[in-house]
All heavy atoms as atom14 arrays in JSON, in Angstrom:
{
  "sequence": "MRMVFGEPDGSRSPRAVAFAEMCKKAGIEGVLSEAILTDLWIK",
  "atom14_mask": [
    [1, 1, 1, 1, 1, 1, 1, 1, 0, 0, 0, 0, 0, 0],
    [1, 1, 1, 1, 1, 1, 1, 1, 1, 1, 1, 0, 0, 0],
    [1, 1, 1, 1, 1, 1, 1, 1, 0, 0, 0, 0, 0, 0],
    [1, 1, 1, 1, 1, 1, 1, 0, 0, 0, 0, 0, 0, 0],
    [1, 1, 1, 1, 1, 1, 1, 1, 1, 1, 1, 0, 0, 0],
    [1, 1, 1, 1, 0, 0, 0, 0, 0, 0, 0, 0, 0, 0],
    [1, 1, 1, 1, 1, 1, 1, 1, 1, 0, 0, 0, 0, 0],
    [1, 1, 1, 1, 1, 1, 1, 0, 0, 0, 0, 0, 0, 0],
    [1, 1, 1, 1, 1, 1, 1, 1, 0, 0, 0, 0, 0, 0],
    [1, 1, 1, 1, 0, 0, 0, 0, 0, 0, 0, 0, 0, 0],
    [1, 1, 1, 1, 1, 1, 0, 0, 0, 0, 0, 0, 0, 0],
    [1, 1, 1, 1, 1, 1, 1, 1, 1, 1, 1, 0, 0, 0],
    [1, 1, 1, 1, 1, 1, 0, 0, 0, 0, 0, 0, 0, 0],
    [1, 1, 1, 1, 1, 1, 1, 0, 0, 0, 0, 0, 0, 0],
    [1, 1, 1, 1, 1, 1, 1, 1, 1, 1, 1, 0, 0, 0],
    [1, 1, 1, 1, 1, 0, 0, 0, 0, 0, 0, 0, 0, 0],
    [1, 1, 1, 1, 1, 1, 1, 0, 0, 0, 0, 0, 0, 0],
    [1, 1, 1, 1, 1, 0, 0, 0, 0, 0, 0, 0, 0, 0],
    [1, 1, 1, 1, 1, 1, 1, 1, 1, 1, 1, 0, 0, 0],
    [1, 1, 1, 1, 1, 0, 0, 0, 0, 0, 0, 0, 0, 0],
    [1, 1, 1, 1, 1, 1, 1, 1, 1, 0, 0, 0, 0, 0],
    [1, 1, 1, 1, 1, 1, 1, 1, 0, 0, 0, 0, 0, 0],
    [1, 1, 1, 1, 1, 1, 0, 0, 0, 0, 0, 0, 0, 0],
    [1, 1, 1, 1, 1, 1, 1, 1, 1, 0, 0, 0, 0, 0],
    [1, 1, 1, 1, 1, 1, 1, 1, 1, 0, 0, 0, 0, 0],
    [1, 1, 1, 1, 1, 0, 0, 0, 0, 0, 0, 0, 0, 0],
    [1, 1, 1, 1, 0, 0, 0, 0, 0, 0, 0, 0, 0, 0],
    [1, 1, 1, 1, 1, 1, 1, 1, 0, 0, 0, 0, 0, 0],
    [1, 1, 1, 1, 1, 1, 1, 1, 1, 0, 0, 0, 0, 0],
    [1, 1, 1, 1, 0, 0, 0, 0, 0, 0, 0, 0, 0, 0],
    [1, 1, 1, 1, 1, 1, 1, 0, 0, 0, 0, 0, 0, 0],
    [1, 1, 1, 1, 1, 1, 1, 1, 0, 0, 0, 0, 0, 0],
    [1, 1, 1, 1, 1, 1, 0, 0, 0, 0, 0, 0, 0, 0],
    [1, 1, 1, 1, 1, 1, 1, 1, 1, 0, 0, 0, 0, 0],
    [1, 1, 1, 1, 1, 0, 0, 0, 0, 0, 0, 0, 0, 0],
    [1, 1, 1, 1, 1, 1, 1, 1, 0, 0, 0, 0, 0, 0],
    [1, 1, 1, 1, 1, 1, 1, 1, 0, 0, 0, 0, 0, 0],
    [1, 1, 1, 1, 1, 1, 1, 0, 0, 0, 0, 0, 0, 0],
    [1, 1, 1, 1, 1, 1, 1, 1, 0, 0, 0, 0, 0, 0],
    [1, 1, 1, 1, 1, 1, 1, 1, 0, 0, 0, 0, 0, 0],
    [1, 1, 1, 1, 1, 1, 1, 1, 1, 1, 1, 1, 1, 1],
    [1, 1, 1, 1, 1, 1, 1, 1, 0, 0, 0, 0, 0, 0],
    [1, 1, 1, 1, 1, 1, 1, 1, 1, 0, 0, 0, 0, 0]
  ],
  "atom14_positions": [
    [[91.56, 4.69, 163.61], [92.02, 5.62, 162.59], [91.05, 6.8, 162.59], [90.04, 6.8, 161.9], [92.1, 4.96, 161.21], [92.71, 5.89, 160.16], [92.92, 5.12, 158.53], [94.45, 4.23, 158.78], [0.0, 0.0, 0.0], [0.0, 0.0, 0.0], [0.0, 0.0, 0.0], [0.0, 0.0, 0.0], [0.0, 0.0, 0.0], [0.0, 0.0, 0.0]],
    [[91.38, 7.77, 163.4], [90.48, 8.9, 163.65], [91.27, 10.19, 163.45], [92.45, 10.27, 163.79], [89.95, 8.81, 165.08], [88.92, 9.85, 165.5], [88.38, 9.49, 166.88], [87.29, 10.34, 167.31], [87.44, 11.39, 168.12], [88.64, 11.71, 168.59], [86.4, 12.12, 168.47], [0.0, 0.0, 0.0], [0.0, 0.0, 0.0], [0.0, 0.0, 0.0]],
    [[90.63, 11.2, 162.92], [91.26, 12.5, 162.77], [90.24, 13.57, 163.13], [89.13, 13.59, 162.61], [91.74, 12.71, 161.33], [92.61, 13.94, 161.13], [92.87, 14.38, 159.38], [93.36, 12.82, 158.65], [0.0, 0.0, 0.0], [0.0, 0.0, 0.0], [0.0, 0.0, 0.0], [0.0, 0.0, 0.0], [0.0, 0.0, 0.0], [0.0, 0.0, 0.0]],
    [[90.62, 14.46, 164.04], [89.77, 15.57, 164.44], [90.41, 16.84, 163.87], [91.62, 17.03, 163.97], [89.66, 15.67, 165.97], [88.66, 16.74, 166.37], [89.27, 14.32, 166.56], [0.0, 0.0, 0.0], [0.0, 0.0, 0.0], [0.0, 0.0, 0.0], [0.0, 0.0, 0.0], [0.0, 0.0, 0.0], [0.0, 0.0, 0.0], [0.0, 0.0, 0.0]],
    [[89.61, 17.71, 163.29], [90.15, 18.91, 162.67], [89.06, 19.98, 162.66], [87.87, 19.68, 162.79], [90.62, 18.63, 161.23], [89.6, 17.92, 160.4], [88.66, 18.63, 159.67], [89.54, 16.53, 160.37], [87.69, 17.98, 158.93], [88.58, 15.86, 159.64], [87.64, 16.59, 158.91], [0.0, 0.0, 0.0], [0.0, 0.0, 0.0], [0.0, 0.0, 0.0]],
    [[89.47, 21.22, 162.5], [88.48, 22.29, 162.45], [89.11, 23.65, 162.34], [90.29, 23.83, 162.66], [0.0, 0.0, 0.0], [0.0, 0.0, 0.0], [0.0, 0.0, 0.0], [0.0, 0.0, 0.0], [0.0, 0.0, 0.0], [0.0, 0.0, 0.0], [0.0, 0.0, 0.0], [0.0, 0.0, 0.0], [0.0, 0.0, 0.0], [0.0, 0.0, 0.0]],
    [[88.32, 24.59, 161.89], [88.78, 25.97, 161.83], [88.94, 26.52, 163.25], [88.13, 26.21, 164.13], [87.79, 26.84, 161.05], [87.44, 26.35, 159.65], [88.58, 26.53, 158.64], [89.66, 27.04, 159.04], [88.39, 26.16, 157.48], [0.0, 0.0, 0.0], [0.0, 0.0, 0.0], [0.0, 0.0, 0.0], [0.0, 0.0, 0.0], [0.0, 0.0, 0.0]],
    [[89.97, 27.32, 163.5], [90.18, 27.84, 164.85], [89.0, 28.64, 165.41], [88.78, 28.67, 166.62], [91.41, 28.74, 164.69], [92.14, 28.17, 163.52], [91.07, 27.68, 162.59], [0.0, 0.0, 0.0], [0.0, 0.0, 0.0], [0.0, 0.0, 0.0], [0.0, 0.0, 0.0], [0.0, 0.0, 0.0], [0.0, 0.0, 0.0], [0.0, 0.0, 0.0]],
    [[88.2, 29.27, 164.51], [87.06, 30.04, 164.98], [85.8, 29.2, 165.17], [84.74, 29.72, 165.53], [86.76, 31.21, 164.03], [86.32, 30.76, 162.63], [86.21, 29.53, 162.39], [86.07, 31.63, 161.78], [0.0, 0.0, 0.0], [0.0, 0.0, 0.0], [0.0, 0.0, 0.0], [0.0, 0.0, 0.0], [0.0, 0.0, 0.0], [0.0, 0.0, 0.0]],
    [[85.9, 27.88, 164.94], [84.77, 26.99, 165.16], [83.78, 26.92, 164.01], [82.78, 26.19, 164.11], [0.0, 0.0, 0.0], [0.0, 0.0, 0.0], [0.0, 0.0, 0.0], [0.0, 0.0, 0.0], [0.0, 0.0, 0.0], [0.0, 0.0, 0.0], [0.0, 0.0, 0.0], [0.0, 0.0, 0.0], [0.0, 0.0, 0.0], [0.0, 0.0, 0.0]],
    [[84.04, 27.61, 162.92], [83.08, 27.62, 161.81], [83.14, 26.32, 161.01], [84.17, 25.65, 160.96], [83.38, 28.8, 160.86], [84.67, 28.66, 160.29], [0.0, 0.0, 0.0], [0.0, 0.0, 0.0], [0.0, 0.0, 0.0], [0.0, 0.0, 0.0], [0.0, 0.0, 0.0], [0.0, 0.0, 0.0], [0.0, 0.0, 0.0], [0.0, 0.0, 0.0]],
    [[82.02, 25.97, 160.4], [81.95, 24.77, 159.55], [82.19, 25.21, 158.11], [81.24, 25.34, 157.31], [80.6, 24.08, 159.71], [80.38, 23.51, 161.1], [79.02, 22.82, 161.23], [78.89, 21.68, 160.33], [79.35, 20.46, 160.6], [79.96, 20.22, 161.76], [79.18, 19.48, 159.73], [0.0, 0.0, 0.0], [0.0, 0.0, 0.0], [0.0, 0.0, 0.0]],
    [[83.43, 25.47, 157.78], [83.77, 25.98, 156.46], [83.54, 24.9, 155.4], [83.59, 23.69, 155.69], [85.24, 26.41, 156.43], [86.09, 25.28, 156.6], [0.0, 0.0, 0.0], [0.0, 0.0, 0.0], [0.0, 0.0, 0.0], [0.0, 0.0, 0.0], [0.0, 0.0, 0.0], [0.0, 0.0, 0.0], [0.0, 0.0, 0.0], [0.0, 0.0, 0.0]],
    [[83.27, 25.31, 154.15], [83.09, 24.33, 153.08], [84.28, 23.39, 152.93], [84.09, 22.2, 152.67], [82.9, 25.2, 151.83], [82.32, 26.48, 152.35], [82.98, 26.69, 153.69], [0.0, 0.0, 0.0], [0.0, 0.0, 0.0], [0.0, 0.0, 0.0], [0.0, 0.0, 0.0], [0.0, 0.0, 0.0], [0.0, 0.0, 0.0], [0.0, 0.0, 0.0]],
    [[85.5, 23.9, 153.1], [86.67, 23.03, 152.93], [86.75, 21.99, 154.05], [87.15, 20.85, 153.82], [87.95, 23.85, 152.85], [88.35, 24.6, 154.11], [89.6, 25.42, 153.91], [90.04, 26.02, 155.17], [91.14, 26.77, 155.3], [91.91, 27.02, 154.24], [91.49, 27.27, 156.48], [0.0, 0.0, 0.0], [0.0, 0.0, 0.0], [0.0, 0.0, 0.0]],
    [[86.37, 22.37, 155.27], [86.38, 21.42, 156.38], [85.3, 20.36, 156.2], [85.52, 19.17, 156.45], [86.2, 22.15, 157.7], [0.0, 0.0, 0.0], [0.0, 0.0, 0.0], [0.0, 0.0, 0.0], [0.0, 0.0, 0.0], [0.0, 0.0, 0.0], [0.0, 0.0, 0.0], [0.0, 0.0, 0.0], [0.0, 0.0, 0.0], [0.0, 0.0, 0.0]],
    [[84.11, 20.78, 155.76], [83.01, 19.84, 155.53], [83.38, 18.85, 154.42], [83.15, 17.63, 154.54], [81.72, 20.6, 155.17], [80.63, 19.64, 154.71], [81.23, 21.41, 156.36], [0.0, 0.0, 0.0], [0.0, 0.0, 0.0], [0.0, 0.0, 0.0], [0.0, 0.0, 0.0], [0.0, 0.0, 0.0], [0.0, 0.0, 0.0], [0.0, 0.0, 0.0]],
    [[83.99, 19.35, 153.34], [84.37, 18.49, 152.23], [85.42, 17.47, 152.66], [85.38, 16.3, 152.25], [84.9, 19.34, 151.07], [0.0, 0.0, 0.0], [0.0, 0.0, 0.0], [0.0, 0.0, 0.0], [0.0, 0.0, 0.0], [0.0, 0.0, 0.0], [0.0, 0.0, 0.0], [0.0, 0.0, 0.0], [0.0, 0.0, 0.0], [0.0, 0.0, 0.0]],
    [[86.34, 17.89, 153.51], [87.38, 16.95, 153.95], [86.78, 15.88, 154.86], [87.18, 14.71, 154.81], [88.52, 17.68, 154.65], [89.7, 16.78, 154.93], [90.48, 16.31, 153.89], [90.0, 16.39, 156.22], [91.55, 15.45, 154.14], [91.06, 15.54, 156.48], [91.84, 15.07, 155.42], [0.0, 0.0, 0.0], [0.0, 0.0, 0.0], [0.0, 0.0, 0.0]],
    [[85.83, 16.26, 155.7], [85.16, 15.28, 156.56], [84.46, 14.21, 155.7], [84.49, 13.01, 156.02], [84.16, 15.97, 157.47], [0.0, 0.0, 0.0], [0.0, 0.0, 0.0], [0.0, 0.0, 0.0], [0.0, 0.0, 0.0], [0.0, 0.0, 0.0], [0.0, 0.0, 0.0], [0.0, 0.0, 0.0], [0.0, 0.0, 0.0], [0.0, 0.0, 0.0]],
    [[83.86, 14.63, 154.6], [83.19, 13.69, 153.71], [84.2, 12.76, 153.04], [83.96, 11.57, 152.88], [82.39, 14.46, 152.66], [81.18, 15.19, 153.24], [80.51, 16.13, 152.25], [81.06, 16.29, 151.13], [79.47, 16.71, 152.6], [0.0, 0.0, 0.0], [0.0, 0.0, 0.0], [0.0, 0.0, 0.0], [0.0, 0.0, 0.0], [0.0, 0.0, 0.0]],
    [[85.37, 13.3, 152.68], [86.42, 12.47, 152.07], [86.95, 11.45, 153.07], [87.22, 10.3, 152.71], [87.55, 13.37, 151.56], [88.6, 12.63, 150.74], [87.99, 12.09, 149.13], [88.55, 10.38, 149.12], [0.0, 0.0, 0.0], [0.0, 0.0, 0.0], [0.0, 0.0, 0.0], [0.0, 0.0, 0.0], [0.0, 0.0, 0.0], [0.0, 0.0, 0.0]],
    [[87.1, 11.85, 154.31], [87.55, 10.92, 155.35], [86.59, 9.75, 155.48], [87.0, 8.59, 155.61], [87.68, 11.64, 156.69], [89.14, 12.69, 156.85], [0.0, 0.0, 0.0], [0.0, 0.0, 0.0], [0.0, 0.0, 0.0], [0.0, 0.0, 0.0], [0.0, 0.0, 0.0], [0.0, 0.0, 0.0], [0.0, 0.0, 0.0], [0.0, 0.0, 0.0]],
    [[85.29, 10.06, 155.44], [84.28, 9.0, 155.55], [84.44, 7.98, 154.43], [84.39, 6.76, 154.66], [82.88, 9.62, 155.53], [81.77, 8.62, 155.76], [80.4, 9.32, 155.82], [79.28, 8.32, 156.06], [77.95, 8.99, 156.12], [0.0, 0.0, 0.0], [0.0, 0.0, 0.0], [0.0, 0.0, 0.0], [0.0, 0.0, 0.0], [0.0, 0.0, 0.0]],
    [[84.66, 8.46, 153.21], [84.88, 7.56, 152.07], [86.1, 6.68, 152.28], [86.16, 5.53, 151.82], [85.05, 8.37, 150.78], [83.81, 9.07, 150.29], [84.12, 9.85, 149.01], [82.93, 10.69, 148.57], [83.28, 11.51, 147.38], [0.0, 0.0, 0.0], [0.0, 0.0, 0.0], [0.0, 0.0, 0.0], [0.0, 0.0, 0.0], [0.0, 0.0, 0.0]],
    [[87.11, 7.24, 152.97], [88.38, 6.54, 153.15], [88.38, 5.62, 154.36], [89.4, 4.96, 154.63], [89.51, 7.56, 153.28], [0.0, 0.0, 0.0], [0.0, 0.0, 0.0], [0.0, 0.0, 0.0], [0.0, 0.0, 0.0], [0.0, 0.0, 0.0], [0.0, 0.0, 0.0], [0.0, 0.0, 0.0], [0.0, 0.0, 0.0], [0.0, 0.0, 0.0]],
    [[87.28, 5.55, 155.09], [87.24, 4.71, 156.28], [87.93, 5.33, 157.48], [88.23, 4.65, 158.46], [0.0, 0.0, 0.0], [0.0, 0.0, 0.0], [0.0, 0.0, 0.0], [0.0, 0.0, 0.0], [0.0, 0.0, 0.0], [0.0, 0.0, 0.0], [0.0, 0.0, 0.0], [0.0, 0.0, 0.0], [0.0, 0.0, 0.0], [0.0, 0.0, 0.0]],
    [[88.2, 6.63, 157.4], [88.78, 7.37, 158.52], [87.63, 8.02, 159.29], [86.73, 8.61, 158.69], [89.74, 8.47, 158.02], [90.9, 7.85, 157.24], [90.27, 9.32, 159.18], [91.74, 8.86, 156.47], [0.0, 0.0, 0.0], [0.0, 0.0, 0.0], [0.0, 0.0, 0.0], [0.0, 0.0, 0.0], [0.0, 0.0, 0.0], [0.0, 0.0, 0.0]],
    [[87.66, 7.92, 160.6], [86.66, 8.63, 161.41], [87.08, 10.11, 161.46], [87.86, 10.52, 162.29], [86.58, 8.06, 162.82], [85.48, 8.69, 163.65], [85.51, 8.27, 165.11], [86.28, 7.36, 165.47], [84.75, 8.89, 165.91], [0.0, 0.0, 0.0], [0.0, 0.0, 0.0], [0.0, 0.0, 0.0], [0.0, 0.0, 0.0], [0.0, 0.0, 0.0]],
    [[86.57, 10.87, 160.51], [86.91, 12.28, 160.42], [85.91, 13.12, 161.2], [84.72, 13.13, 160.87], [0.0, 0.0, 0.0], [0.0, 0.0, 0.0], [0.0, 0.0, 0.0], [0.0, 0.0, 0.0], [0.0, 0.0, 0.0], [0.0, 0.0, 0.0], [0.0, 0.0, 0.0], [0.0, 0.0, 0.0], [0.0, 0.0, 0.0], [0.0, 0.0, 0.0]],
    [[86.38, 13.8, 162.22], [85.5, 14.58, 163.09], [85.76, 16.06, 162.86], [86.86, 16.56, 163.12], [85.75, 14.24, 164.57], [84.84, 15.07, 165.47], [85.54, 12.75, 164.82], [0.0, 0.0, 0.0], [0.0, 0.0, 0.0], [0.0, 0.0, 0.0], [0.0, 0.0, 0.0], [0.0, 0.0, 0.0], [0.0, 0.0, 0.0], [0.0, 0.0, 0.0]],
    [[84.75, 16.77, 162.35], [84.85, 18.22, 162.17], [84.47, 18.88, 163.49], [83.32, 18.84, 163.91], [83.93, 18.67, 161.04], [83.78, 20.18, 160.83], [85.12, 20.88, 160.77], [82.98, 20.44, 159.55], [0.0, 0.0, 0.0], [0.0, 0.0, 0.0], [0.0, 0.0, 0.0], [0.0, 0.0, 0.0], [0.0, 0.0, 0.0], [0.0, 0.0, 0.0]],
    [[85.46, 19.45, 164.14], [85.27, 20.0, 165.49], [84.95, 21.49, 165.44], [85.5, 22.23, 164.63], [86.55, 19.79, 166.31], [86.47, 20.46, 167.55], [0.0, 0.0, 0.0], [0.0, 0.0, 0.0], [0.0, 0.0, 0.0], [0.0, 0.0, 0.0], [0.0, 0.0, 0.0], [0.0, 0.0, 0.0], [0.0, 0.0, 0.0], [0.0, 0.0, 0.0]],
    [[84.06, 21.89, 166.33], [83.78, 23.31, 166.5], [84.53, 23.88, 167.71], [84.35, 25.04, 168.07], [82.27, 23.52, 166.66], [81.49, 23.11, 165.41], [79.99, 23.25, 165.55], [79.54, 23.79, 166.6], [79.26, 22.84, 164.63], [0.0, 0.0, 0.0], [0.0, 0.0, 0.0], [0.0, 0.0, 0.0], [0.0, 0.0, 0.0], [0.0, 0.0, 0.0]],
    [[85.4, 23.05, 168.32], [86.23, 23.49, 169.45], [87.58, 22.77, 169.36], [87.96, 22.01, 170.24], [85.53, 23.18, 170.77], [0.0, 0.0, 0.0], [0.0, 0.0, 0.0], [0.0, 0.0, 0.0], [0.0, 0.0, 0.0], [0.0, 0.0, 0.0], [0.0, 0.0, 0.0], [0.0, 0.0, 0.0], [0.0, 0.0, 0.0], [0.0, 0.0, 0.0]],
    [[88.29, 23.01, 168.27], [89.49, 22.22, 167.98], [90.59, 22.45, 169.0], [91.37, 21.53, 169.29], [89.99, 22.49, 166.54], [91.09, 21.51, 166.15], [90.42, 23.93, 166.37], [90.71, 20.07, 166.19], [0.0, 0.0, 0.0], [0.0, 0.0, 0.0], [0.0, 0.0, 0.0], [0.0, 0.0, 0.0], [0.0, 0.0, 0.0], [0.0, 0.0, 0.0]],
    [[90.68, 23.64, 169.58], [91.74, 23.88, 170.57], [91.5, 23.05, 171.83], [92.45, 22.53, 172.44], [91.85, 25.36, 170.9], [92.2, 26.27, 169.72], [92.38, 27.72, 170.18], [93.45, 25.78, 168.98], [0.0, 0.0, 0.0], [0.0, 0.0, 0.0], [0.0, 0.0, 0.0], [0.0, 0.0, 0.0], [0.0, 0.0, 0.0], [0.0, 0.0, 0.0]],
    [[90.25, 22.88, 172.22], [89.93, 21.99, 173.34], [90.31, 20.56, 172.98], [90.9, 19.84, 173.81], [88.44, 22.08, 173.69], [88.16, 23.39, 174.18], [88.07, 21.06, 174.77], [0.0, 0.0, 0.0], [0.0, 0.0, 0.0], [0.0, 0.0, 0.0], [0.0, 0.0, 0.0], [0.0, 0.0, 0.0], [0.0, 0.0, 0.0], [0.0, 0.0, 0.0]],
    [[90.02, 20.15, 171.77], [90.37, 18.78, 171.35], [91.88, 18.57, 171.36], [92.36, 17.49, 171.73], [89.81, 18.5, 169.95], [88.29, 18.37, 169.97], [87.77, 17.62, 170.82], [87.64, 19.01, 169.14], [0.0, 0.0, 0.0], [0.0, 0.0, 0.0], [0.0, 0.0, 0.0], [0.0, 0.0, 0.0], [0.0, 0.0, 0.0], [0.0, 0.0, 0.0]],
    [[92.64, 19.58, 170.94], [94.1, 19.49, 171.0], [94.57, 19.23, 172.42], [95.44, 18.39, 172.67], [94.73, 20.79, 170.48], [94.97, 20.96, 168.99], [95.5, 22.37, 168.73], [95.94, 19.92, 168.47], [0.0, 0.0, 0.0], [0.0, 0.0, 0.0], [0.0, 0.0, 0.0], [0.0, 0.0, 0.0], [0.0, 0.0, 0.0], [0.0, 0.0, 0.0]],
    [[94.0, 19.95, 173.35], [94.43, 19.81, 174.75], [93.94, 18.51, 175.38], [94.62, 17.95, 176.24], [93.97, 21.02, 175.56], [94.97, 22.15, 175.47], [95.06, 23.1, 174.51], [96.04, 22.39, 176.39], [96.12, 23.94, 174.76], [96.73, 23.53, 175.9], [96.47, 21.79, 177.56], [97.84, 24.06, 176.57], [97.58, 22.31, 178.22], [98.25, 23.43, 177.73]],
    [[92.78, 18.03, 174.97], [92.32, 16.73, 175.47], [93.35, 15.65, 175.13], [93.71, 14.81, 175.96], [90.93, 16.38, 174.9], [89.86, 17.26, 175.57], [90.6, 14.91, 175.11], [88.47, 17.13, 174.95], [0.0, 0.0, 0.0], [0.0, 0.0, 0.0], [0.0, 0.0, 0.0], [0.0, 0.0, 0.0], [0.0, 0.0, 0.0], [0.0, 0.0, 0.0]],
    [[93.84, 15.69, 173.89], [94.88, 14.73, 173.52], [96.19, 15.02, 174.25], [96.91, 14.1, 174.64], [95.12, 14.73, 172.01], [96.18, 13.7, 171.62], [96.49, 13.65, 170.15], [97.58, 12.63, 169.87], [97.97, 12.57, 168.45], [0.0, 0.0, 0.0], [0.0, 0.0, 0.0], [0.0, 0.0, 0.0], [0.0, 0.0, 0.0], [0.0, 0.0, 0.0]]
  ]
}
């Protein structure tokens, strides 16, 4: 149960950081990516 997400410009925005912390609480492996378009293509 993993989710990778991130701003398209690679920034660590407050909203992205907060969501990563919420994922951790929920037992989801939440990965805040600084290269989300590469991650999209890897999948």
